[in-house]
Amino acid sequence: MRNLNIRATGNAIVKALILIEIVKRRVGDLHQINKIDSTEITDEYEPQQEGLEKTTQKRRVTCLDCNLSKDPLDTTDIGYQEPT
């Protein structure tokens, strides 16, 4: 495998960053591109009592997308990190 894509949202971003650093140290010589974005998630809740309507709630969460590769990546990308 030459590429690894790691994607995380919300509180899982911290754990994804730890995983990225572990992979980089164990494998070595990995090019990296990070992208940070936000997305809207709609939660739908069913009422516990009959006769009530469903409740929906929208919220925005932060997303991290990290691409690790043995092959060279786009060095002009703003999130590019060269191998150490």
N, C-alpha and C. Protein backbone atom coordinates (compact mmCIF):
# COMPACT_ATOMS: atom_id res chain seq x y z
N MET A 1 0.85 -1.17 0.00
CA MET A 1 0.00 0.00 0.00
C MET A 1 0.89 1.24 0.00
N ARG A 2 0.61 2.17 -0.91
CA ARG A 2 1.42 3.38 -1.07
C ARG A 2 0.76 4.61 -0.46
N ASN A 3 -0.57 4.59 -0.27
CA ASN A 3 -1.31 5.74 0.25
C ASN A 3 -2.16 5.34 1.44
N LEU A 4 -2.35 6.28 2.35
CA LEU A 4 -3.25 6.08 3.48
C LEU A 4 -4.02 7.37 3.69
N ASN A 5 -5.34 7.28 3.72
CA ASN A 5 -6.19 8.43 3.95
C ASN A 5 -6.87 8.27 5.30
N ILE A 6 -6.70 9.25 6.16
CA ILE A 6 -7.31 9.23 7.50
C ILE A 6 -8.26 10.41 7.59
N ARG A 7 -9.51 10.13 7.96
CA ARG A 7 -10.53 11.17 8.07
C ARG A 7 -11.16 11.10 9.45
N ALA A 8 -11.33 12.26 10.09
CA ALA A 8 -11.92 12.29 11.43
C ALA A 8 -12.78 13.55 11.57
N THR A 9 -13.78 13.46 12.45
CA THR A 9 -14.63 14.61 12.75
C THR A 9 -14.75 14.79 14.25
N GLY A 10 -15.00 16.01 14.64
CA GLY A 10 -15.28 16.32 16.05
C GLY A 10 -14.17 15.92 16.99
N ASN A 11 -14.55 15.24 18.07
CA ASN A 11 -13.60 14.86 19.11
C ASN A 11 -12.61 13.79 18.67
N ALA A 12 -12.89 13.10 17.57
CA ALA A 12 -11.98 12.06 17.08
C ALA A 12 -10.76 12.64 16.39
N ILE A 13 -10.72 13.94 16.14
CA ILE A 13 -9.58 14.56 15.46
C ILE A 13 -8.30 14.38 16.28
N VAL A 14 -8.38 14.51 17.58
CA VAL A 14 -7.19 14.36 18.42
C VAL A 14 -6.62 12.96 18.29
N LYS A 15 -7.47 11.95 18.32
CA LYS A 15 -7.00 10.58 18.17
C LYS A 15 -6.45 10.32 16.78
N ALA A 16 -7.04 10.95 15.76
CA ALA A 16 -6.53 10.81 14.39
C ALA A 16 -5.14 11.42 14.27
N LEU A 17 -4.90 12.55 14.92
CA LEU A 17 -3.57 13.17 14.89
C LEU A 17 -2.53 12.28 15.56
N ILE A 18 -2.89 11.63 16.64
CA ILE A 18 -1.98 10.69 17.30
C ILE A 18 -1.67 9.53 16.36
N LEU A 19 -2.70 8.99 15.72
CA LEU A 19 -2.50 7.89 14.77
C LEU A 19 -1.60 8.31 13.61
N ILE A 20 -1.79 9.50 13.08
CA ILE A 20 -0.97 10.00 11.98
C ILE A 20 0.50 10.06 12.39
N GLU A 21 0.77 10.59 13.58
CA GLU A 21 2.16 10.69 14.04
C GLU A 21 2.78 9.31 14.26
N ILE A 22 2.02 8.36 14.77
CA ILE A 22 2.54 7.00 14.96
C ILE A 22 2.89 6.37 13.62
N VAL A 23 2.00 6.50 12.64
CA VAL A 23 2.26 5.93 11.31
C VAL A 23 3.49 6.58 10.69
N LYS A 24 3.60 7.90 10.80
CA LYS A 24 4.75 8.60 10.22
C LYS A 24 6.07 8.15 10.84
N ARG A 25 6.07 7.90 12.12
CA ARG A 25 7.32 7.47 12.79
C ARG A 25 7.67 6.03 12.48
N ARG A 26 6.67 5.15 12.39
CA ARG A 26 6.94 3.73 12.13
C ARG A 26 7.30 3.46 10.67
N VAL A 27 6.61 4.14 9.75
CA VAL A 27 6.85 3.90 8.33
C VAL A 27 7.99 4.77 7.81
N GLY A 28 7.96 6.05 8.14
CA GLY A 28 9.01 6.98 7.72
C GLY A 28 8.89 7.41 6.27
N ASP A 29 9.51 8.54 5.95
CA ASP A 29 9.54 9.10 4.59
C ASP A 29 8.16 9.19 3.95
N LEU A 30 7.21 9.77 4.65
CA LEU A 30 5.85 9.91 4.12
C LEU A 30 5.56 11.37 3.81
N HIS A 31 5.03 11.62 2.63
CA HIS A 31 4.53 12.94 2.28
C HIS A 31 3.13 13.05 2.88
N GLN A 32 2.75 14.29 3.25
CA GLN A 32 1.49 14.47 3.96
C GLN A 32 0.77 15.70 3.44
N ILE A 33 -0.55 15.57 3.24
CA ILE A 33 -1.40 16.72 2.94
C ILE A 33 -2.57 16.71 3.92
N ASN A 34 -2.75 17.83 4.63
CA ASN A 34 -3.84 17.98 5.59
C ASN A 34 -4.86 18.96 5.06
N LYS A 35 -6.13 18.66 5.27
CA LYS A 35 -7.21 19.58 4.93
C LYS A 35 -8.16 19.64 6.11
N ILE A 36 -8.51 20.85 6.50
CA ILE A 36 -9.45 21.06 7.60
C ILE A 36 -10.69 21.74 7.02
N ASP A 37 -11.84 21.21 7.37
CA ASP A 37 -13.10 21.69 6.83
C ASP A 37 -14.16 21.57 7.90
N SER A 38 -15.34 22.03 7.61
CA SER A 38 -16.47 21.80 8.52
C SER A 38 -17.65 21.31 7.69
N THR A 39 -18.49 20.54 8.31
CA THR A 39 -19.67 19.99 7.64
C THR A 39 -20.87 20.10 8.56
N GLU A 40 -22.03 20.10 7.96
CA GLU A 40 -23.26 20.21 8.74
C GLU A 40 -23.89 18.83 8.88
N ILE A 41 -24.21 18.46 10.10
CA ILE A 41 -24.84 17.18 10.39
C ILE A 41 -26.24 17.45 10.93
N THR A 42 -27.19 16.69 10.42
CA THR A 42 -28.57 16.82 10.88
C THR A 42 -28.93 15.60 11.72
N ASP A 43 -29.26 15.82 12.98
CA ASP A 43 -29.70 14.75 13.87
C ASP A 43 -31.22 14.74 13.90
N GLU A 44 -31.79 13.54 13.87
CA GLU A 44 -33.24 13.40 13.92
C GLU A 44 -33.61 12.54 15.13
N TYR A 45 -34.49 13.07 15.96
CA TYR A 45 -34.87 12.39 17.19
C TYR A 45 -36.32 11.94 17.11
N GLU A 46 -36.56 10.69 17.48
CA GLU A 46 -37.92 10.14 17.55
C GLU A 46 -38.49 10.43 18.94
N PRO A 47 -39.72 10.89 19.02
CA PRO A 47 -40.31 11.14 20.34
C PRO A 47 -40.63 9.82 21.05
N GLN A 48 -40.54 9.83 22.37
CA GLN A 48 -40.83 8.63 23.14
C GLN A 48 -42.33 8.49 23.40
N GLN A 49 -43.06 9.58 23.25
CA GLN A 49 -44.51 9.54 23.45
C GLN A 49 -45.21 9.63 22.09
N GLU A 50 -46.30 8.93 21.97
CA GLU A 50 -47.06 8.96 20.72
C GLU A 50 -47.73 10.32 20.53
N GLY A 51 -47.88 10.70 19.27
CA GLY A 51 -48.56 11.95 18.96
C GLY A 51 -47.63 13.14 18.81
N LEU A 52 -46.39 12.99 19.17
CA LEU A 52 -45.44 14.09 19.03
C LEU A 52 -44.68 13.96 17.72
N GLU A 53 -44.22 15.08 17.19
CA GLU A 53 -43.49 15.08 15.93
C GLU A 53 -42.00 14.81 16.16
N LYS A 54 -41.34 14.37 15.08
CA LYS A 54 -39.89 14.18 15.13
C LYS A 54 -39.21 15.53 15.30
N THR A 55 -38.11 15.54 16.00
CA THR A 55 -37.34 16.75 16.20
C THR A 55 -36.04 16.63 15.42
N THR A 56 -35.68 17.67 14.68
CA THR A 56 -34.41 17.67 13.98
C THR A 56 -33.54 18.80 14.52
N GLN A 57 -32.24 18.54 14.52
CA GLN A 57 -31.29 19.53 15.01
C GLN A 57 -30.08 19.52 14.08
N LYS A 58 -29.67 20.69 13.62
CA LYS A 58 -28.51 20.81 12.75
C LYS A 58 -27.34 21.34 13.56
N ARG A 59 -26.15 20.79 13.25
CA ARG A 59 -24.94 21.27 13.94
C ARG A 59 -23.77 21.18 12.99
N ARG A 60 -22.79 22.02 13.20
CA ARG A 60 -21.59 22.02 12.38
C ARG A 60 -20.46 21.36 13.16
N VAL A 61 -19.72 20.48 12.48
CA VAL A 61 -18.58 19.82 13.10
C VAL A 61 -17.35 20.03 12.23
N THR A 62 -16.20 20.08 12.87
CA THR A 62 -14.93 20.22 12.17
C THR A 62 -14.48 18.86 11.66
N CYS A 63 -13.88 18.84 10.46
CA CYS A 63 -13.41 17.61 9.85
C CYS A 63 -11.93 17.76 9.50
N LEU A 64 -11.18 16.69 9.69
CA LEU A 64 -9.77 16.64 9.30
C LEU A 64 -9.61 15.52 8.29
N ASP A 65 -8.96 15.82 7.18
CA ASP A 65 -8.68 14.82 6.15
C ASP A 65 -7.17 14.85 5.92
N CYS A 66 -6.51 13.72 6.15
CA CYS A 66 -5.06 13.63 6.02
C CYS A 66 -4.71 12.53 5.02
N ASN A 67 -3.88 12.87 4.07
CA ASN A 67 -3.43 11.92 3.07
C ASN A 67 -1.92 11.69 3.28
N LEU A 68 -1.53 10.46 3.60
CA LEU A 68 -0.13 10.09 3.76
C LEU A 68 0.26 9.24 2.56
N SER A 69 1.45 9.51 1.98
CA SER A 69 1.83 8.79 0.78
C SER A 69 3.34 8.60 0.72
N LYS A 70 3.76 7.44 0.20
CA LYS A 70 5.17 7.19 -0.08
C LYS A 70 5.59 7.93 -1.34
N ASP A 71 4.63 8.16 -2.24
CA ASP A 71 4.90 8.86 -3.49
C ASP A 71 4.78 10.37 -3.26
N PRO A 72 5.53 11.17 -4.02
CA PRO A 72 5.43 12.64 -3.87
C PRO A 72 4.01 13.14 -4.14
N LEU A 73 3.58 14.10 -3.35
CA LEU A 73 2.26 14.72 -3.50
C LEU A 73 2.44 16.14 -4.01
N ASP A 74 1.35 16.85 -4.19
CA ASP A 74 1.37 18.22 -4.69
C ASP A 74 2.02 19.16 -3.67
N THR A 75 3.23 19.60 -3.97
CA THR A 75 3.98 20.44 -3.02
C THR A 75 3.43 21.87 -2.95
N THR A 76 2.57 22.26 -3.90
CA THR A 76 2.00 23.61 -3.87
C THR A 76 0.73 23.67 -3.01
N ASP A 77 0.23 22.52 -2.56
CA ASP A 77 -0.96 22.48 -1.71
C ASP A 77 -0.63 23.15 -0.38
N ILE A 78 -1.57 23.95 0.12
CA ILE A 78 -1.32 24.71 1.35
C ILE A 78 -1.12 23.83 2.58
N GLY A 79 -1.67 22.60 2.56
CA GLY A 79 -1.54 21.69 3.70
C GLY A 79 -0.43 20.67 3.55
N TYR A 80 0.47 20.87 2.60
CA TYR A 80 1.53 19.89 2.33
C TYR A 80 2.61 19.94 3.40
N GLN A 81 3.06 18.74 3.83
CA GLN A 81 4.22 18.62 4.72
C GLN A 81 5.16 17.60 4.10
N GLU A 82 6.40 17.97 3.94
CA GLU A 82 7.39 17.07 3.35
C GLU A 82 7.86 16.05 4.38
N PRO A 83 8.43 14.94 3.91
CA PRO A 83 8.93 13.92 4.85
C PRO A 83 10.06 14.49 5.71
N THR A 84 10.15 13.99 6.93
CA THR A 84 11.20 14.47 7.84
C THR A 84 12.47 13.68 7.66
